[in-house]
């Protein structure tokens, strides 16, 4: 980012679904700087049918442990199991990326001691947790778009591990935004960048500032020859909100403008 791209900000598009009432972390930020902040999911989930699972030759009952990296994975796994009339045995172990996902699993099962495991928020911690149960037969129900870190770890450590695609991440129809322009576009996943170009192949950045969360998103931005004006997380900005606040505070400085 160069100083000549620190231009006054009036509007921001967050490429995520609109938060539930009372859970909008950007609300105070919007009021403080008198910003128009809109939300629009650039991607959506399409579950696979039971027949698509059978084509992958995966039998859920062959596994002693299930790995969940998101609530979407939890919903789609148990919905497909229900469609296939598969009831997971009570001794099945469930490994979740964090406590929030682990608690969500309890929507579908009766929790039992020593059968529910969750990481403490970091990928490194979660992988170490899985390794401590190296004798399990792990199933990883996931999207067609996922980071390679987890499967690579299991292969490297020669653990019994199988992936099963149970839903697809699909670009949403954004045609209604064709003539709508924002000062900042905020992306959280490489799939968001893909959706941008699926909808607008001729997109030109010009003075539109781009914010990106995470290294994989930053890489996707770079691969499309876009300028990443607002990266997160950084040493100064651990989250996207703090990164946006720091940028807007500079760009909207009355003395500067």
C-alpha atoms as a PDB file:
ATOM      1  CA  UNK A   1       0.000   0.000   0.000  1.00  0.00           C
ATOM      2  CA  UNK A   2       1.230   3.487  -0.874  1.00  0.00           C
ATOM      3  CA  UNK A   3       0.176   6.760   0.686  1.00  0.00           C
ATOM      4  CA  UNK A   4      -1.446   7.988  -2.536  1.00  0.00           C
ATOM      5  CA  UNK A   5      -4.041   5.202  -2.125  1.00  0.00           C
ATOM      6  CA  UNK A   6      -5.124   6.487   1.278  1.00  0.00           C
ATOM      7  CA  UNK A   7      -8.171   8.229  -0.153  1.00  0.00           C
ATOM      8  CA  UNK A   8     -11.200   9.280   1.893  1.00  0.00           C
ATOM      9  CA  UNK A   9     -13.628   6.433   2.551  1.00  0.00           C
ATOM     10  CA  UNK A  10     -17.404   6.774   2.453  1.00  0.00           C
ATOM     11  CA  UNK A  11     -18.581   3.253   1.619  1.00  0.00           C
ATOM     12  CA  UNK A  12     -17.472  -0.317   2.391  1.00  0.00           C
ATOM     13  CA  UNK A  13     -18.774  -3.664   1.167  1.00  0.00           C
ATOM     14  CA  UNK A  14     -18.175  -6.644   3.484  1.00  0.00           C
ATOM     15  CA  UNK A  15     -18.328  -9.845   1.430  1.00  0.00           C
ATOM     16  CA  UNK A  16     -20.120 -11.801   4.154  1.00  0.00           C
ATOM     17  CA  UNK A  17     -23.782 -12.301   5.108  1.00  0.00           C
ATOM     18  CA  UNK A  18     -25.336  -9.500   7.144  1.00  0.00           C
ATOM     19  CA  UNK A  19     -24.866 -10.181  10.867  1.00  0.00           C
ATOM     20  CA  UNK A  20     -27.806 -10.987  13.095  1.00  0.00           C
ATOM     21  CA  UNK A  21     -29.342  -8.110  15.038  1.00  0.00           C
ATOM     22  CA  UNK A  22     -27.056  -7.075  17.873  1.00  0.00           C
ATOM     23  CA  UNK A  23     -24.039  -8.935  16.469  1.00  0.00           C
ATOM     24  CA  UNK A  24     -22.755  -6.382  13.963  1.00  0.00           C
ATOM     25  CA  UNK A  25     -19.187  -5.646  15.092  1.00  0.00           C
ATOM     26  CA  UNK A  26     -18.916  -2.907  12.446  1.00  0.00           C
ATOM     27  CA  UNK A  27     -21.833  -0.836  13.766  1.00  0.00           C
ATOM     28  CA  UNK A  28     -19.901   1.527  16.030  1.00  0.00           C
ATOM     29  CA  UNK A  29     -17.153   1.869  13.410  1.00  0.00           C
ATOM     30  CA  UNK A  30     -19.774   2.885  10.850  1.00  0.00           C
ATOM     31  CA  UNK A  31     -21.285   5.505  13.160  1.00  0.00           C
ATOM     32  CA  UNK A  32     -17.924   6.913  14.241  1.00  0.00           C
ATOM     33  CA  UNK A  33     -16.769   7.647  10.694  1.00  0.00           C
ATOM     34  CA  UNK A  34     -20.232   8.123   9.127  1.00  0.00           C
ATOM     35  CA  UNK A  35     -19.689   5.255   6.713  1.00  0.00           C
ATOM     36  CA  UNK A  36     -22.125   3.329   4.559  1.00  0.00           C
ATOM     37  CA  UNK A  37     -21.290  -0.336   5.286  1.00  0.00           C
ATOM     38  CA  UNK A  38     -23.159  -3.017   3.365  1.00  0.00           C
ATOM     39  CA  UNK A  39     -22.959  -6.803   3.595  1.00  0.00           C
ATOM     40  CA  UNK A  40     -23.251  -9.238   0.722  1.00  0.00           C
ATOM     41  CA  UNK A  41     -22.179 -12.872   0.665  1.00  0.00           C
ATOM     42  CA  UNK A  42     -20.117 -13.487  -2.465  1.00  0.00           C
ATOM     43  CA  UNK A  43     -20.379 -17.260  -2.070  1.00  0.00           C
ATOM     44  CA  UNK A  44     -22.936 -19.793  -0.880  1.00  0.00           C
ATOM     45  CA  UNK A  45     -23.038 -23.452  -0.011  1.00  0.00           C
ATOM     46  CA  UNK A  46     -24.680 -26.175  -2.120  1.00  0.00           C
ATOM     47  CA  UNK A  47     -24.958 -29.548  -0.340  1.00  0.00           C
ATOM     48  CA  UNK A  48     -24.253 -32.744  -2.224  1.00  0.00           C
ATOM     49  CA  UNK A  49     -26.877 -35.479  -2.443  1.00  0.00           C
ATOM     50  CA  UNK A  50     -26.442 -38.913  -0.908  1.00  0.00           C
ATOM     51  CA  UNK A  51     -25.769 -40.384  -4.368  1.00  0.00           C
ATOM     52  CA  UNK A  52     -22.755 -38.061  -4.709  1.00  0.00           C
ATOM     53  CA  UNK A  53     -21.341 -39.410  -1.448  1.00  0.00           C
ATOM     54  CA  UNK A  54     -21.807 -42.983  -2.620  1.00  0.00           C
ATOM     55  CA  UNK A  55     -19.860 -42.158  -5.782  1.00  0.00           C
ATOM     56  CA  UNK A  56     -16.913 -41.257  -3.536  1.00  0.00           C
ATOM     57  CA  UNK A  57     -17.141 -44.771  -2.042  1.00  0.00           C
ATOM     58  CA  UNK A  58     -17.207 -43.456   1.513  1.00  0.00           C
ATOM     59  CA  UNK A  59     -19.143 -45.223   4.253  1.00  0.00           C
ATOM     60  CA  UNK A  60     -19.525 -43.002   7.316  1.00  0.00           C
ATOM     61  CA  UNK A  61     -19.705 -46.055   9.581  1.00  0.00           C
ATOM     62  CA  UNK A  62     -16.197 -47.141   8.597  1.00  0.00           C
ATOM     63  CA  UNK A  63     -14.701 -44.329  10.680  1.00  0.00           C
ATOM     64  CA  UNK A  64     -14.121 -43.933  14.391  1.00  0.00           C
ATOM     65  CA  UNK A  65     -13.576 -40.154  14.367  1.00  0.00           C
ATOM     66  CA  UNK A  66     -15.118 -37.262  12.443  1.00  0.00           C
ATOM     67  CA  UNK A  67     -13.334 -33.926  11.909  1.00  0.00           C
ATOM     68  CA  UNK A  68     -15.371 -30.727  11.642  1.00  0.00           C
ATOM     69  CA  UNK A  69     -13.790 -27.431  10.610  1.00  0.00           C
ATOM     70  CA  UNK A  70     -17.017 -25.400  10.395  1.00  0.00           C
ATOM     71  CA  UNK A  71     -20.694 -25.353  11.303  1.00  0.00           C
ATOM     72  CA  UNK A  72     -21.501 -25.809   7.611  1.00  0.00           C
ATOM     73  CA  UNK A  73     -19.632 -29.108   7.706  1.00  0.00           C
ATOM     74  CA  UNK A  74     -21.600 -30.199  10.783  1.00  0.00           C
ATOM     75  CA  UNK A  75     -25.000 -29.405   9.230  1.00  0.00           C
ATOM     76  CA  UNK A  76     -24.234 -31.021   5.903  1.00  0.00           C
ATOM     77  CA  UNK A  77     -22.673 -34.148   7.414  1.00  0.00           C
ATOM     78  CA  UNK A  78     -25.625 -34.964   9.661  1.00  0.00           C
ATOM     79  CA  UNK A  79     -28.177 -34.013   6.991  1.00  0.00           C
ATOM     80  CA  UNK A  80     -26.550 -36.399   4.527  1.00  0.00           C
ATOM     81  CA  UNK A  81     -26.284 -39.108   7.190  1.00  0.00           C
ATOM     82  CA  UNK A  82     -30.019 -38.716   7.797  1.00  0.00           C
ATOM     83  CA  UNK A  83     -30.746 -38.873   4.065  1.00  0.00           C
ATOM     84  CA  UNK A  84     -28.700 -42.067   3.837  1.00  0.00           C
ATOM     85  CA  UNK A  85     -30.427 -43.432   6.957  1.00  0.00           C
ATOM     86  CA  UNK A  86     -27.079 -43.726   8.712  1.00  0.00           C
ATOM     87  CA  UNK A  87     -27.027 -43.353  12.492  1.00  0.00           C
ATOM     88  CA  UNK A  88     -23.582 -42.716  13.890  1.00  0.00           C
ATOM     89  CA  UNK A  89     -22.736 -45.092  16.755  1.00  0.00           C
ATOM     90  CA  UNK A  90     -22.439 -43.582  20.257  1.00  0.00           C
ATOM     91  CA  UNK A  91     -18.720 -44.401  20.463  1.00  0.00           C
ATOM     92  CA  UNK A  92     -17.889 -42.164  17.471  1.00  0.00           C
ATOM     93  CA  UNK A  93     -15.462 -39.389  18.399  1.00  0.00           C
ATOM     94  CA  UNK A  94     -15.900 -35.843  17.111  1.00  0.00           C
ATOM     95  CA  UNK A  95     -12.960 -33.475  16.650  1.00  0.00           C
ATOM     96  CA  UNK A  96     -13.869 -29.813  16.108  1.00  0.00           C
ATOM     97  CA  UNK A  97     -11.614 -26.938  15.106  1.00  0.00           C
ATOM     98  CA  UNK A  98     -12.810 -24.835  18.068  1.00  0.00           C
ATOM     99  CA  UNK A  99     -15.231 -24.822  20.984  1.00  0.00           C
ATOM    100  CA  UNK A 100     -17.964 -23.031  19.044  1.00  0.00           C
ATOM    101  CA  UNK A 101     -18.092 -25.768  16.400  1.00  0.00           C
ATOM    102  CA  UNK A 102     -17.863 -28.451  19.089  1.00  0.00           C
ATOM    103  CA  UNK A 103     -20.881 -27.001  20.889  1.00  0.00           C
ATOM    104  CA  UNK A 104     -22.736 -26.898  17.581  1.00  0.00           C
ATOM    105  CA  UNK A 105     -22.201 -30.649  17.065  1.00  0.00           C
ATOM    106  CA  UNK A 106     -24.359 -31.174  20.162  1.00  0.00           C
ATOM    107  CA  UNK A 107     -27.320 -29.988  18.098  1.00  0.00           C
ATOM    108  CA  UNK A 108     -27.213 -33.430  16.485  1.00  0.00           C
ATOM    109  CA  UNK A 109     -25.850 -35.809  19.130  1.00  0.00           C
ATOM    110  CA  UNK A 110     -25.986 -36.449  22.848  1.00  0.00           C
ATOM    111  CA  UNK A 111     -22.547 -35.373  24.120  1.00  0.00           C
ATOM    112  CA  UNK A 112     -20.511 -37.989  25.948  1.00  0.00           C
ATOM    113  CA  UNK A 113     -17.351 -37.634  27.965  1.00  0.00           C
ATOM    114  CA  UNK A 114     -14.152 -38.490  26.115  1.00  0.00           C
ATOM    115  CA  UNK A 115     -16.026 -38.426  22.775  1.00  0.00           C
ATOM    116  CA  UNK A 116     -15.966 -34.663  22.099  1.00  0.00           C
ATOM    117  CA  UNK A 117     -12.681 -32.904  21.383  1.00  0.00           C
ATOM    118  CA  UNK A 118     -11.937 -29.391  20.228  1.00  0.00           C
ATOM    119  CA  UNK A 119      -8.974 -27.195  19.460  1.00  0.00           C
ATOM    120  CA  UNK A 120      -8.280 -23.980  21.310  1.00  0.00           C
ATOM    121  CA  UNK A 121      -8.468 -21.681  18.314  1.00  0.00           C
ATOM    122  CA  UNK A 122      -5.252 -22.261  16.392  1.00  0.00           C
ATOM    123  CA  UNK A 123      -4.651 -24.729  13.594  1.00  0.00           C
ATOM    124  CA  UNK A 124      -1.396 -25.879  15.193  1.00  0.00           C
ATOM    125  CA  UNK A 125      -3.188 -26.725  18.425  1.00  0.00           C
ATOM    126  CA  UNK A 126      -5.910 -28.617  16.588  1.00  0.00           C
ATOM    127  CA  UNK A 127      -3.455 -30.701  14.572  1.00  0.00           C
ATOM    128  CA  UNK A 128      -1.580 -31.604  17.751  1.00  0.00           C
ATOM    129  CA  UNK A 129      -4.884 -32.698  19.286  1.00  0.00           C
ATOM    130  CA  UNK A 130      -5.604 -34.994  16.330  1.00  0.00           C
ATOM    131  CA  UNK A 131      -2.090 -36.436  16.445  1.00  0.00           C
ATOM    132  CA  UNK A 132      -2.589 -37.388  20.090  1.00  0.00           C
ATOM    133  CA  UNK A 133      -5.338 -39.734  18.814  1.00  0.00           C
ATOM    134  CA  UNK A 134      -3.288 -41.198  15.990  1.00  0.00           C
ATOM    135  CA  UNK A 135      -4.911 -44.654  16.190  1.00  0.00           C
ATOM    136  CA  UNK A 136      -8.321 -43.368  15.096  1.00  0.00           C
ATOM    137  CA  UNK A 137      -9.767 -43.736  11.605  1.00  0.00           C
ATOM    138  CA  UNK A 138     -10.501 -40.101  10.703  1.00  0.00           C
ATOM    139  CA  UNK A 139     -13.113 -38.846   8.255  1.00  0.00           C
ATOM    140  CA  UNK A 140     -12.915 -35.223   7.148  1.00  0.00           C
ATOM    141  CA  UNK A 141     -16.258 -34.113   5.622  1.00  0.00           C
ATOM    142  CA  UNK A 142     -15.476 -30.868   3.828  1.00  0.00           C
ATOM    143  CA  UNK A 143     -16.118 -28.470   0.974  1.00  0.00           C
ATOM    144  CA  UNK A 144     -14.620 -28.826  -2.490  1.00  0.00           C
ATOM    145  CA  UNK A 145     -12.572 -25.762  -1.545  1.00  0.00           C
ATOM    146  CA  UNK A 146     -10.411 -26.254   1.529  1.00  0.00           C
ATOM    147  CA  UNK A 147      -6.912 -25.555   2.787  1.00  0.00           C
ATOM    148  CA  UNK A 148      -4.378 -28.314   2.214  1.00  0.00           C
ATOM    149  CA  UNK A 149      -2.852 -27.971   5.687  1.00  0.00           C
ATOM    150  CA  UNK A 150      -4.995 -30.567   7.421  1.00  0.00           C
ATOM    151  CA  UNK A 151      -4.832 -33.395   4.845  1.00  0.00           C
ATOM    152  CA  UNK A 152      -1.109 -32.754   4.318  1.00  0.00           C
ATOM    153  CA  UNK A 153      -0.548 -33.108   8.069  1.00  0.00           C
ATOM    154  CA  UNK A 154      -2.307 -36.476   8.238  1.00  0.00           C
ATOM    155  CA  UNK A 155      -0.421 -37.813   5.226  1.00  0.00           C
ATOM    156  CA  UNK A 156       2.908 -36.636   6.639  1.00  0.00           C
ATOM    157  CA  UNK A 157       2.193 -38.332   9.965  1.00  0.00           C
ATOM    158  CA  UNK A 158       0.927 -41.513   8.260  1.00  0.00           C
ATOM    159  CA  UNK A 159      -2.428 -41.410  10.032  1.00  0.00           C
ATOM    160  CA  UNK A 160      -5.606 -43.098   8.812  1.00  0.00           C
ATOM    161  CA  UNK A 161      -7.433 -40.245   7.136  1.00  0.00           C
ATOM    162  CA  UNK A 162     -10.084 -39.896   4.414  1.00  0.00           C
ATOM    163  CA  UNK A 163     -11.601 -36.792   2.887  1.00  0.00           C
ATOM    164  CA  UNK A 164     -15.189 -36.667   1.712  1.00  0.00           C
ATOM    165  CA  UNK A 165     -16.637 -33.704  -0.174  1.00  0.00           C
ATOM    166  CA  UNK A 166     -20.150 -33.152   1.201  1.00  0.00           C
ATOM    167  CA  UNK A 167     -20.861 -29.629  -0.078  1.00  0.00           C
ATOM    168  CA  UNK A 168     -19.620 -27.213  -2.688  1.00  0.00           C
ATOM    169  CA  UNK A 169     -18.689 -23.570  -2.341  1.00  0.00           C
ATOM    170  CA  UNK A 170     -20.359 -21.724  -5.207  1.00  0.00           C
ATOM    171  CA  UNK A 171     -20.113 -18.150  -6.472  1.00  0.00           C
ATOM    172  CA  UNK A 172     -23.298 -16.178  -5.808  1.00  0.00           C
ATOM    173  CA  UNK A 173     -25.097 -14.136  -8.440  1.00  0.00           C
ATOM    174  CA  UNK A 174     -23.933 -10.539  -7.961  1.00  0.00           C
ATOM    175  CA  UNK A 175     -25.340  -9.082 -11.181  1.00  0.00           C
ATOM    176  CA  UNK A 176     -27.341  -6.484  -9.249  1.00  0.00           C
ATOM    177  CA  UNK A 177     -24.034  -4.935  -8.116  1.00  0.00           C
ATOM    178  CA  UNK A 178     -22.852  -4.258 -11.672  1.00  0.00           C
ATOM    179  CA  UNK A 179     -23.372  -0.509 -11.377  1.00  0.00           C
ATOM    180  CA  UNK A 180     -22.747  -0.184  -7.645  1.00  0.00           C
ATOM    181  CA  UNK A 181     -19.362   1.028  -6.456  1.00  0.00           C
ATOM    182  CA  UNK A 182     -17.713   0.971  -3.033  1.00  0.00           C
ATOM    183  CA  UNK A 183     -14.559   2.660  -1.782  1.00  0.00           C
ATOM    184  CA  UNK A 184     -13.441  -0.560  -0.043  1.00  0.00           C
ATOM    185  CA  UNK A 185     -14.157  -4.216  -0.811  1.00  0.00           C
ATOM    186  CA  UNK A 186     -13.433  -6.574   2.089  1.00  0.00           C
ATOM    187  CA  UNK A 187     -12.565 -10.201   1.255  1.00  0.00           C
ATOM    188  CA  UNK A 188     -12.141 -13.117   3.665  1.00  0.00           C
ATOM    189  CA  UNK A 189     -11.569 -16.129   1.362  1.00  0.00           C
ATOM    190  CA  UNK A 190      -9.974 -16.883  -2.001  1.00  0.00           C
ATOM    191  CA  UNK A 191     -13.460 -18.026  -3.100  1.00  0.00           C
ATOM    192  CA  UNK A 192     -14.675 -14.428  -2.644  1.00  0.00           C
ATOM    193  CA  UNK A 193     -12.092 -13.263  -5.192  1.00  0.00           C
ATOM    194  CA  UNK A 194     -13.143 -16.051  -7.563  1.00  0.00           C
ATOM    195  CA  UNK A 195     -16.756 -14.940  -7.232  1.00  0.00           C
ATOM    196  CA  UNK A 196     -15.785 -11.351  -8.029  1.00  0.00           C
ATOM    197  CA  UNK A 197     -14.277 -12.426 -11.344  1.00  0.00           C
ATOM    198  CA  UNK A 198     -16.961 -15.023 -12.083  1.00  0.00           C
ATOM    199  CA  UNK A 199     -19.468 -12.175 -11.919  1.00  0.00           C
ATOM    200  CA  UNK A 200     -17.326  -9.356 -13.303  1.00  0.00           C
ATOM    201  CA  UNK A 201     -14.559 -10.774 -15.542  1.00  0.00           C
ATOM    202  CA  UNK A 202     -13.536  -7.286 -16.623  1.00  0.00           C
ATOM    203  CA  UNK A 203     -13.217  -5.902 -13.102  1.00  0.00           C
ATOM    204  CA  UNK A 204     -10.635  -3.106 -12.844  1.00  0.00           C
ATOM    205  CA  UNK A 205      -9.572  -1.966  -9.395  1.00  0.00           C
ATOM    206  CA  UNK A 206      -8.696   1.679 -10.077  1.00  0.00           C
ATOM    207  CA  UNK A 207      -9.239   3.588  -6.785  1.00  0.00           C
ATOM    208  CA  UNK A 208     -11.214   0.828  -5.127  1.00  0.00           C
ATOM    209  CA  UNK A 209      -9.310  -0.192  -2.032  1.00  0.00           C
ATOM    210  CA  UNK A 210      -9.140  -3.891  -1.205  1.00  0.00           C
ATOM    211  CA  UNK A 211      -8.946  -5.424   2.259  1.00  0.00           C
ATOM    212  CA  UNK A 212      -8.047  -9.090   2.619  1.00  0.00           C
ATOM    213  CA  UNK A 213      -8.007 -11.413   5.610  1.00  0.00           C
ATOM    214  CA  UNK A 214      -5.473 -14.232   5.786  1.00  0.00           C
ATOM    215  CA  UNK A 215      -2.507 -15.347   3.719  1.00  0.00           C
ATOM    216  CA  UNK A 216      -4.518 -17.457   1.252  1.00  0.00           C
ATOM    217  CA  UNK A 217      -6.812 -14.516   0.496  1.00  0.00           C
ATOM    218  CA  UNK A 218      -3.783 -12.241   0.071  1.00  0.00           C
ATOM    219  CA  UNK A 219      -2.300 -14.745  -2.370  1.00  0.00           C
ATOM    220  CA  UNK A 220      -5.518 -14.837  -4.421  1.00  0.00           C
ATOM    221  CA  UNK A 221      -5.545 -11.035  -4.539  1.00  0.00           C
ATOM    222  CA  UNK A 222      -1.941 -11.001  -5.744  1.00  0.00           C
ATOM    223  CA  UNK A 223      -2.622 -13.686  -8.363  1.00  0.00           C
ATOM    224  CA  UNK A 224      -5.245 -11.401  -9.915  1.00  0.00           C
ATOM    225  CA  UNK A 225      -2.782  -8.497  -9.962  1.00  0.00           C
ATOM    226  CA  UNK A 226      -4.849  -6.521  -7.476  1.00  0.00           C
ATOM    227  CA  UNK A 227      -3.457  -4.183  -4.839  1.00  0.00           C
ATOM    228  CA  UNK A 228      -3.978  -5.322  -1.252  1.00  0.00           C
ATOM    229  CA  UNK A 229      -4.390  -1.982   0.519  1.00  0.00           C
ATOM    230  CA  UNK A 230      -5.550  -3.309   3.883  1.00  0.00           C
ATOM    231  CA  UNK A 231      -4.081  -6.658   4.995  1.00  0.00           C
ATOM    232  CA  UNK A 232      -5.133  -8.495   8.143  1.00  0.00           C
ATOM    233  CA  UNK A 233      -4.123  -9.883  10.490  1.00  0.00           C
ATOM    234  CA  UNK A 234      -0.953  -7.906  11.145  1.00  0.00           C
ATOM    235  CA  UNK A 235       1.075  -7.090  14.244  1.00  0.00           C
ATOM    236  CA  UNK A 236      -0.878  -3.839  14.621  1.00  0.00           C
ATOM    237  CA  UNK A 237      -4.251  -5.169  13.508  1.00  0.00           C
ATOM    238  CA  UNK A 238      -5.149  -8.693  14.659  1.00  0.00           C
ATOM    239  CA  UNK A 239      -8.603  -8.523  13.074  1.00  0.00           C
ATOM    240  CA  UNK A 240     -10.252  -7.057   9.997  1.00  0.00           C
ATOM    241  CA  UNK A 241     -12.193  -4.467  11.969  1.00  0.00           C
ATOM    242  CA  UNK A 242      -9.054  -3.025  13.562  1.00  0.00           C
ATOM    243  CA  UNK A 243      -7.287  -3.007  10.164  1.00  0.00           C
ATOM    244  CA  UNK A 244     -10.167  -1.069   8.602  1.00  0.00           C
ATOM    245  CA  UNK A 245     -10.288   1.358  11.521  1.00  0.00           C
ATOM    246  CA  UNK A 246      -6.583   2.158  11.244  1.00  0.00           C
ATOM    247  CA  UNK A 247      -6.858   2.730   7.493  1.00  0.00           C
ATOM    248  CA  UNK A 248      -9.994   4.891   7.652  1.00  0.00           C
ATOM    249  CA  UNK A 249      -8.577   6.947  10.543  1.00  0.00           C
ATOM    250  CA  UNK A 250      -5.648   7.864   8.301  1.00  0.00           C
ATOM    251  CA  UNK A 251      -7.564   8.244   5.036  1.00  0.00           C
ATOM    252  CA  UNK A 252     -10.390  10.309   6.525  1.00  0.00           C
ATOM    253  CA  UNK A 253      -8.111  12.578   8.517  1.00  0.00           C
ATOM    254  CA  UNK A 254      -9.632  16.061   8.058  1.00  0.00           C
ATOM    255  CA  UNK A 255      -6.183  17.676   7.998  1.00  0.00           C
ATOM    256  CA  UNK A 256      -5.154  15.349   5.184  1.00  0.00           C
ATOM    257  CA  UNK A 257      -8.320  15.891   3.168  1.00  0.00           C
END
